[in-house]
Amino acid sequence: MFLNNLHSRRNRRVAMAVAAVSACSAWFPGATVRAADYTWVPTAGGSYDWGLASNWNPAGPPNSNSDSANLSIAMTGNQTISLGADYTVATLTLGSTGAPVVTHIATTGGAKLILEGGGGTASLVSNGVPGAVNRIAATIQLSSLLQLEASSTNDLT
């Protein structure tokens, strides 16, 4: 009888500990967020959704003050990338490396692009082949210092 009570009390303690850890993870959901470097996948021209996981490698979207979003890939046509919600990144790199096309970040419903470097400084990098244009027509919220880098002679508007 004593062993059954001992096991029963231990099982209750284990169950309570599991419940406590689960409750803490619900209260602190960002505690397990890890920094990631996301690269944009679509190369063809067209309209795309920033929030669609399959548009990113690894599956995204980037949305943390320690994430980087790299849209500097070999695009073959003009792209409009729509923010349907607020997204946060520490580093945003734009500019087609394949053809002189327009990379355009737009917004729907008043969504914002939040540039916030978890380490203190966020970065916005403008790349691309000669003639490429990088355009951000979304509201940008600066939540930390911002470092602008022009790695080409192309426009950033």
Foldseek 3Di string as FASTA:
>chain_A
DVVVVVVVVVVVVVVVVVVVVVVVCVVCVCPPDDEEEKEADDQEADEEELQQQVRIVVRDRAADLRYEYEDAEAHDEAYEYEYAAEGEYQEYEDEYARDQYEHEYYYDPQHEYEHHHPVAEGEYEYDYDPNHEYEYHHHYHYPGHYDYHYPDPHYYD
